[in-house]
């Protein structure tokens, strides 16, 4: 059961919480059970998938464009790699 939950993306702490909630069924809030947690995990997975699709498509574009050197590519306006956007994203993350 634990391994299955981990394969579905739940961390060990999340699995422990799910097991604990299952043991205390009386007076349980509806937002703490498996269904609610599965919905939250599904939203996380879908967000990661969306991010991975962008990464995949960008890498495909870089391969098609013949990008072989990051320095040269970064200086080329037709480079499909999002150097500027990634740099801005990292700057924001550094300030958080």
C-alpha atoms as a PDB file:
ATOM      1  CA  UNK A   1       0.000   0.000   0.000  1.00  0.00           C
ATOM      2  CA  UNK A   2       2.816   2.418   0.889  1.00  0.00           C
ATOM      3  CA  UNK A   3       4.782   1.665  -2.286  1.00  0.00           C
ATOM      4  CA  UNK A   4       1.652   2.112  -4.398  1.00  0.00           C
ATOM      5  CA  UNK A   5       1.008   5.508  -2.820  1.00  0.00           C
ATOM      6  CA  UNK A   6       4.627   6.476  -3.482  1.00  0.00           C
ATOM      7  CA  UNK A   7       4.314   5.389  -7.121  1.00  0.00           C
ATOM      8  CA  UNK A   8       1.321   7.726  -7.346  1.00  0.00           C
ATOM      9  CA  UNK A   9       3.574  10.588  -6.233  1.00  0.00           C
ATOM     10  CA  UNK A  10       2.800  10.772  -2.523  1.00  0.00           C
ATOM     11  CA  UNK A  11       5.757  11.402  -0.227  1.00  0.00           C
ATOM     12  CA  UNK A  12       6.336   9.222   2.831  1.00  0.00           C
ATOM     13  CA  UNK A  13       5.018  12.033   5.030  1.00  0.00           C
ATOM     14  CA  UNK A  14       1.868  12.301   2.906  1.00  0.00           C
ATOM     15  CA  UNK A  15       1.391   8.518   3.079  1.00  0.00           C
ATOM     16  CA  UNK A  16       1.787   8.639   6.854  1.00  0.00           C
ATOM     17  CA  UNK A  17      -0.849  11.393   7.022  1.00  0.00           C
ATOM     18  CA  UNK A  18      -3.221   9.354   4.852  1.00  0.00           C
ATOM     19  CA  UNK A  19      -2.764   6.306   7.073  1.00  0.00           C
ATOM     20  CA  UNK A  20      -3.320   8.416  10.179  1.00  0.00           C
ATOM     21  CA  UNK A  21      -6.487   9.947   8.727  1.00  0.00           C
ATOM     22  CA  UNK A  22      -7.727   6.452   7.871  1.00  0.00           C
ATOM     23  CA  UNK A  23      -7.281   5.348  11.480  1.00  0.00           C
ATOM     24  CA  UNK A  24      -9.301   8.305  12.783  1.00  0.00           C
ATOM     25  CA  UNK A  25     -12.397   8.113  10.622  1.00  0.00           C
ATOM     26  CA  UNK A  26     -14.826   9.496  13.207  1.00  0.00           C
ATOM     27  CA  UNK A  27     -15.201  13.246  13.041  1.00  0.00           C
ATOM     28  CA  UNK A  28     -12.956  13.422   9.978  1.00  0.00           C
ATOM     29  CA  UNK A  29     -13.209  16.488   7.785  1.00  0.00           C
ATOM     30  CA  UNK A  30     -14.043  15.780   4.161  1.00  0.00           C
ATOM     31  CA  UNK A  31     -10.986  17.728   2.967  1.00  0.00           C
ATOM     32  CA  UNK A  32      -8.459  15.409   4.652  1.00  0.00           C
ATOM     33  CA  UNK A  33      -9.264  12.027   3.090  1.00  0.00           C
ATOM     34  CA  UNK A  34      -7.776  10.193   0.165  1.00  0.00           C
ATOM     35  CA  UNK A  35     -10.136  11.738  -2.386  1.00  0.00           C
ATOM     36  CA  UNK A  36      -9.167  15.297  -1.438  1.00  0.00           C
ATOM     37  CA  UNK A  37      -5.475  14.441  -1.264  1.00  0.00           C
ATOM     38  CA  UNK A  38      -5.666  12.611  -4.596  1.00  0.00           C
ATOM     39  CA  UNK A  39      -7.250  15.705  -6.183  1.00  0.00           C
ATOM     40  CA  UNK A  40      -4.410  17.857  -4.828  1.00  0.00           C
ATOM     41  CA  UNK A  41      -1.778  15.389  -6.029  1.00  0.00           C
ATOM     42  CA  UNK A  42      -3.428  15.226  -9.455  1.00  0.00           C
ATOM     43  CA  UNK A  43      -3.238  19.018  -9.727  1.00  0.00           C
ATOM     44  CA  UNK A  44       0.482  18.862  -8.870  1.00  0.00           C
ATOM     45  CA  UNK A  45       1.085  16.140 -11.462  1.00  0.00           C
ATOM     46  CA  UNK A  46      -0.824  18.035 -14.148  1.00  0.00           C
ATOM     47  CA  UNK A  47       1.211  21.190 -13.425  1.00  0.00           C
ATOM     48  CA  UNK A  48       4.469  19.227 -13.672  1.00  0.00           C
ATOM     49  CA  UNK A  49       3.277  17.646 -16.923  1.00  0.00           C
ATOM     50  CA  UNK A  50       2.530  21.060 -18.379  1.00  0.00           C
ATOM     51  CA  UNK A  51       6.018  22.240 -17.410  1.00  0.00           C
ATOM     52  CA  UNK A  52       7.594  19.107 -18.900  1.00  0.00           C
ATOM     53  CA  UNK A  53       5.706  19.599 -22.170  1.00  0.00           C
ATOM     54  CA  UNK A  54       7.185  23.103 -22.451  1.00  0.00           C
ATOM     55  CA  UNK A  55      10.660  21.705 -21.725  1.00  0.00           C
ATOM     56  CA  UNK A  56      10.167  18.924 -24.301  1.00  0.00           C
ATOM     57  CA  UNK A  57       8.983  21.304 -26.986  1.00  0.00           C
ATOM     58  CA  UNK A  58      11.831  23.742 -26.297  1.00  0.00           C
ATOM     59  CA  UNK A  59      14.420  20.966 -26.463  1.00  0.00           C
ATOM     60  CA  UNK A  60      12.935  19.731 -29.734  1.00  0.00           C
ATOM     61  CA  UNK A  61      13.160  23.268 -31.127  1.00  0.00           C
ATOM     62  CA  UNK A  62      16.793  23.555 -29.975  1.00  0.00           C
ATOM     63  CA  UNK A  63      17.638  20.269 -31.687  1.00  0.00           C
ATOM     64  CA  UNK A  64      15.885  21.355 -34.884  1.00  0.00           C
ATOM     65  CA  UNK A  65      17.652  24.728 -34.806  1.00  0.00           C
ATOM     66  CA  UNK A  66      21.011  22.979 -34.489  1.00  0.00           C
ATOM     67  CA  UNK A  67      21.972  24.545 -31.160  1.00  0.00           C
ATOM     68  CA  UNK A  68      25.398  23.096 -30.315  1.00  0.00           C
ATOM     69  CA  UNK A  69      26.997  25.801 -28.179  1.00  0.00           C
ATOM     70  CA  UNK A  70      25.108  27.462 -25.328  1.00  0.00           C
ATOM     71  CA  UNK A  71      27.205  30.635 -25.434  1.00  0.00           C
ATOM     72  CA  UNK A  72      26.765  31.089 -29.177  1.00  0.00           C
ATOM     73  CA  UNK A  73      23.120  30.122 -29.024  1.00  0.00           C
ATOM     74  CA  UNK A  74      22.394  32.551 -26.167  1.00  0.00           C
ATOM     75  CA  UNK A  75      23.715  35.405 -28.273  1.00  0.00           C
ATOM     76  CA  UNK A  76      21.668  34.473 -31.330  1.00  0.00           C
ATOM     77  CA  UNK A  77      18.240  36.096 -31.605  1.00  0.00           C
ATOM     78  CA  UNK A  78      16.767  33.074 -33.412  1.00  0.00           C
ATOM     79  CA  UNK A  79      17.783  30.643 -30.666  1.00  0.00           C
ATOM     80  CA  UNK A  80      14.683  28.833 -29.368  1.00  0.00           C
ATOM     81  CA  UNK A  81      16.073  28.477 -25.847  1.00  0.00           C
ATOM     82  CA  UNK A  82      14.419  30.898 -23.411  1.00  0.00           C
ATOM     83  CA  UNK A  83      17.622  32.302 -21.862  1.00  0.00           C
ATOM     84  CA  UNK A  84      16.065  35.656 -21.000  1.00  0.00           C
ATOM     85  CA  UNK A  85      12.907  34.191 -19.475  1.00  0.00           C
ATOM     86  CA  UNK A  86      14.885  31.624 -17.491  1.00  0.00           C
ATOM     87  CA  UNK A  87      17.241  34.304 -16.219  1.00  0.00           C
ATOM     88  CA  UNK A  88      14.326  36.463 -15.112  1.00  0.00           C
ATOM     89  CA  UNK A  89      12.691  33.469 -13.446  1.00  0.00           C
ATOM     90  CA  UNK A  90      15.904  32.667 -11.544  1.00  0.00           C
ATOM     91  CA  UNK A  91      16.287  36.311 -10.473  1.00  0.00           C
ATOM     92  CA  UNK A  92      12.779  36.234  -9.021  1.00  0.00           C
ATOM     93  CA  UNK A  93      13.458  32.913  -7.290  1.00  0.00           C
ATOM     94  CA  UNK A  94      16.680  34.308  -5.777  1.00  0.00           C
ATOM     95  CA  UNK A  95      14.736  37.136  -4.167  1.00  0.00           C
ATOM     96  CA  UNK A  96      12.086  34.875  -2.601  1.00  0.00           C
END
